[in-house]
Amino acid sequence: MVPRRRAEGDPPPVYETIDYASNFSLCINFDGYFLGVGKNRAYVNGKSIWYDYVEGDALTVDKLEDLVEQLGYEVQGRLHMYYCMPGKPMNEGGLVKITCNDNCLNMRAHVTFGHKYP
């Protein structure tokens, strides 16, 4: 299944199972900028968009780049992608730069082991 962009205000889907191959929802924050350093660092003036039915067993850096490019951004050589580890704030070392498919495996593992975002 192709990831589906969730319309603003729509509720998230209810997924039947949670495992590495299952679908999950992915929030992409974009169009903002980082301000400050260290514990004073923040991401400001950004927007968020949700994609539902992202296939866990098919998530790769290339797939993430495709989703970001659907928002009108060219990733190659221009943007860096990060994910935030569950339970660890961005300004306390929670951001992980997505550079390889192993990073995607780690993101899927967070979903698999029950971490959920509001």
C-alpha atoms as a PDB file:
ATOM      1  CA  MET A   1       0.000   0.000   0.000  1.00  0.00           C
ATOM      2  CA  VAL A   2       1.212   3.497  -0.814  1.00  0.00           C
ATOM      3  CA  PRO A   3       1.428   5.908   2.137  1.00  0.00           C
ATOM      4  CA  ARG A   4      -1.632   8.137   2.260  1.00  0.00           C
ATOM      5  CA  ARG A   5      -1.415  11.773   3.276  1.00  0.00           C
ATOM      6  CA  ARG A   6      -3.898  12.412   6.077  1.00  0.00           C
ATOM      7  CA  ALA A   7      -6.227  15.361   5.596  1.00  0.00           C
ATOM      8  CA  GLU A   8      -6.001  17.997   8.310  1.00  0.00           C
ATOM      9  CA  GLY A   9      -8.440  17.240  11.107  1.00  0.00           C
ATOM     10  CA  ASP A  10      -8.963  13.599  10.109  1.00  0.00           C
ATOM     11  CA  PRO A  11      -8.454  11.003  12.859  1.00  0.00           C
ATOM     12  CA  PRO A  12      -5.580   8.517  12.607  1.00  0.00           C
ATOM     13  CA  PRO A  13      -6.394   5.023  11.393  1.00  0.00           C
ATOM     14  CA  VAL A  14      -6.596   2.070  13.769  1.00  0.00           C
ATOM     15  CA  TYR A  15      -4.031  -0.548  12.817  1.00  0.00           C
ATOM     16  CA  GLU A  16      -4.676  -4.243  13.441  1.00  0.00           C
ATOM     17  CA  THR A  17      -1.154  -5.400  14.302  1.00  0.00           C
ATOM     18  CA  ILE A  18       2.162  -3.866  15.245  1.00  0.00           C
ATOM     19  CA  ASP A  19       5.260  -5.607  13.934  1.00  0.00           C
ATOM     20  CA  TYR A  20       8.138  -4.814  11.595  1.00  0.00           C
ATOM     21  CA  ALA A  21       6.060  -5.460   8.491  1.00  0.00           C
ATOM     22  CA  SER A  22       2.929  -3.625   9.602  1.00  0.00           C
ATOM     23  CA  ASN A  23       1.724  -0.200   8.620  1.00  0.00           C
ATOM     24  CA  PHE A  24       2.185   2.829  10.830  1.00  0.00           C
ATOM     25  CA  SER A  25       1.687   6.602  10.719  1.00  0.00           C
ATOM     26  CA  LEU A  26       4.564   9.010  10.164  1.00  0.00           C
ATOM     27  CA  CYS A  27       4.605  12.713  11.030  1.00  0.00           C
ATOM     28  CA  ILE A  28       6.875  14.920   8.926  1.00  0.00           C
ATOM     29  CA  ASN A  29       7.773  18.349  10.306  1.00  0.00           C
ATOM     30  CA  PHE A  30       8.904  20.796   7.638  1.00  0.00           C
ATOM     31  CA  ASP A  31       9.107  24.424   6.537  1.00  0.00           C
ATOM     32  CA  GLY A  32      10.626  25.592   9.833  1.00  0.00           C
ATOM     33  CA  TYR A  33      14.143  26.154  11.082  1.00  0.00           C
ATOM     34  CA  PHE A  34      16.374  25.360  14.041  1.00  0.00           C
ATOM     35  CA  LEU A  35      17.051  28.168  16.472  1.00  0.00           C
ATOM     36  CA  GLY A  36      19.553  28.191  19.341  1.00  0.00           C
ATOM     37  CA  VAL A  37      22.141  25.630  20.419  1.00  0.00           C
ATOM     38  CA  GLY A  38      22.396  22.814  22.935  1.00  0.00           C
ATOM     39  CA  LYS A  39      19.575  22.722  25.481  1.00  0.00           C
ATOM     40  CA  ASN A  40      18.237  25.985  24.044  1.00  0.00           C
ATOM     41  CA  ARG A  41      17.761  24.521  20.564  1.00  0.00           C
ATOM     42  CA  ALA A  42      14.240  24.516  19.132  1.00  0.00           C
ATOM     43  CA  TYR A  43      12.508  23.914  15.812  1.00  0.00           C
ATOM     44  CA  VAL A  44      10.280  26.913  15.125  1.00  0.00           C
ATOM     45  CA  ASN A  45       7.657  28.077  12.628  1.00  0.00           C
ATOM     46  CA  GLY A  46       7.313  24.606  11.159  1.00  0.00           C
ATOM     47  CA  LYS A  47       4.348  22.724   9.759  1.00  0.00           C
ATOM     48  CA  SER A  48       3.396  19.079  10.251  1.00  0.00           C
ATOM     49  CA  ILE A  49       1.858  16.570   7.897  1.00  0.00           C
ATOM     50  CA  TRP A  50       0.920  12.967   8.630  1.00  0.00           C
ATOM     51  CA  TYR A  51       1.254  10.002   6.303  1.00  0.00           C
ATOM     52  CA  ASP A  52      -0.767   6.909   7.186  1.00  0.00           C
ATOM     53  CA  TYR A  53      -0.232   3.330   6.050  1.00  0.00           C
ATOM     54  CA  VAL A  54       3.544   3.634   5.784  1.00  0.00           C
ATOM     55  CA  GLU A  55       4.766   0.066   5.280  1.00  0.00           C
ATOM     56  CA  GLY A  56       7.289  -0.834   7.952  1.00  0.00           C
ATOM     57  CA  ASP A  57       9.006  -3.508   5.896  1.00  0.00           C
ATOM     58  CA  ALA A  58       9.423  -1.153   2.937  1.00  0.00           C
ATOM     59  CA  LEU A  59      10.651   1.983   4.735  1.00  0.00           C
ATOM     60  CA  THR A  60      13.969   3.181   3.323  1.00  0.00           C
ATOM     61  CA  VAL A  61      15.827   6.464   3.032  1.00  0.00           C
ATOM     62  CA  ASP A  62      14.669   6.659  -0.597  1.00  0.00           C
ATOM     63  CA  LYS A  63      11.006   6.266   0.462  1.00  0.00           C
ATOM     64  CA  LEU A  64      11.399   9.013   3.072  1.00  0.00           C
ATOM     65  CA  GLU A  65      12.999  11.275   0.479  1.00  0.00           C
ATOM     66  CA  ASP A  66      10.042  10.609  -1.850  1.00  0.00           C
ATOM     67  CA  LEU A  67       7.582  11.668   0.870  1.00  0.00           C
ATOM     68  CA  VAL A  68       9.546  14.861   1.557  1.00  0.00           C
ATOM     69  CA  GLU A  69       9.782  15.628  -2.161  1.00  0.00           C
ATOM     70  CA  GLN A  70       5.974  15.283  -2.421  1.00  0.00           C
ATOM     71  CA  LEU A  71       5.889  18.329  -0.132  1.00  0.00           C
ATOM     72  CA  GLY A  72       7.873  20.291  -2.716  1.00  0.00           C
ATOM     73  CA  TYR A  73      11.399  19.961  -1.322  1.00  0.00           C
ATOM     74  CA  GLU A  74      14.455  18.586  -3.087  1.00  0.00           C
ATOM     75  CA  VAL A  75      16.364  16.436  -0.611  1.00  0.00           C
ATOM     76  CA  GLN A  76      19.532  15.408  -2.441  1.00  0.00           C
ATOM     77  CA  GLY A  77      22.334  17.757  -1.416  1.00  0.00           C
ATOM     78  CA  ARG A  78      19.924  20.307   0.049  1.00  0.00           C
ATOM     79  CA  LEU A  79      18.150  18.966   3.128  1.00  0.00           C
ATOM     80  CA  HIS A  80      18.979  16.789   6.088  1.00  0.00           C
ATOM     81  CA  MET A  81      16.381  14.444   7.541  1.00  0.00           C
ATOM     82  CA  TYR A  82      16.185  13.560  11.242  1.00  0.00           C
ATOM     83  CA  TYR A  83      13.946  11.599  13.550  1.00  0.00           C
ATOM     84  CA  CYS A  84      13.468  12.158  17.256  1.00  0.00           C
ATOM     85  CA  MET A  85      13.945   9.186  19.567  1.00  0.00           C
ATOM     86  CA  PRO A  86      10.903   8.497  21.751  1.00  0.00           C
ATOM     87  CA  GLY A  87      11.216   9.876  25.258  1.00  0.00           C
ATOM     88  CA  LYS A  88      14.273  11.969  24.455  1.00  0.00           C
ATOM     89  CA  PRO A  89      13.757  15.674  23.736  1.00  0.00           C
ATOM     90  CA  MET A  90      15.226  17.135  20.574  1.00  0.00           C
ATOM     91  CA  ASN A  91      17.323  19.602  22.557  1.00  0.00           C
ATOM     92  CA  GLU A  92      18.815  16.827  24.708  1.00  0.00           C
ATOM     93  CA  GLY A  93      20.342  14.719  21.957  1.00  0.00           C
ATOM     94  CA  GLY A  94      17.115  13.109  20.778  1.00  0.00           C
ATOM     95  CA  LEU A  95      17.581  13.953  17.105  1.00  0.00           C
ATOM     96  CA  VAL A  96      19.114  11.253  14.925  1.00  0.00           C
ATOM     97  CA  LYS A  97      20.248  12.172  11.419  1.00  0.00           C
ATOM     98  CA  ILE A  98      18.815   9.798   8.822  1.00  0.00           C
ATOM     99  CA  THR A  99      21.750   8.802   6.642  1.00  0.00           C
ATOM    100  CA  CYS A 100      21.152   5.122   5.910  1.00  0.00           C
ATOM    101  CA  ASN A 101      18.514   2.411   5.965  1.00  0.00           C
ATOM    102  CA  ASP A 102      19.702   1.291   9.424  1.00  0.00           C
ATOM    103  CA  ASN A 103      18.216   4.548  10.731  1.00  0.00           C
ATOM    104  CA  CYS A 104      14.895   3.501   9.157  1.00  0.00           C
ATOM    105  CA  LEU A 105      15.160   0.118  10.900  1.00  0.00           C
ATOM    106  CA  ASN A 106      15.619   1.925  14.211  1.00  0.00           C
ATOM    107  CA  MET A 107      12.549   4.094  13.566  1.00  0.00           C
ATOM    108  CA  ARG A 108      10.515   0.964  12.816  1.00  0.00           C
ATOM    109  CA  ALA A 109      11.793  -0.639  16.024  1.00  0.00           C
ATOM    110  CA  HIS A 110      10.456   2.313  18.034  1.00  0.00           C
ATOM    111  CA  VAL A 111       7.032   1.757  16.460  1.00  0.00           C
ATOM    112  CA  THR A 112       7.215  -1.998  17.006  1.00  0.00           C
ATOM    113  CA  PHE A 113       7.989  -1.723  20.696  1.00  0.00           C
ATOM    114  CA  GLY A 114       4.958   0.411  21.388  1.00  0.00           C
ATOM    115  CA  HIS A 115       6.182   3.998  21.307  1.00  0.00           C
ATOM    116  CA  LYS A 116       3.377   6.251  20.189  1.00  0.00           C
ATOM    117  CA  TYR A 117       3.259   9.942  19.526  1.00  0.00           C
ATOM    118  CA  PRO A 118       0.287  12.176  20.412  1.00  0.00           C
END
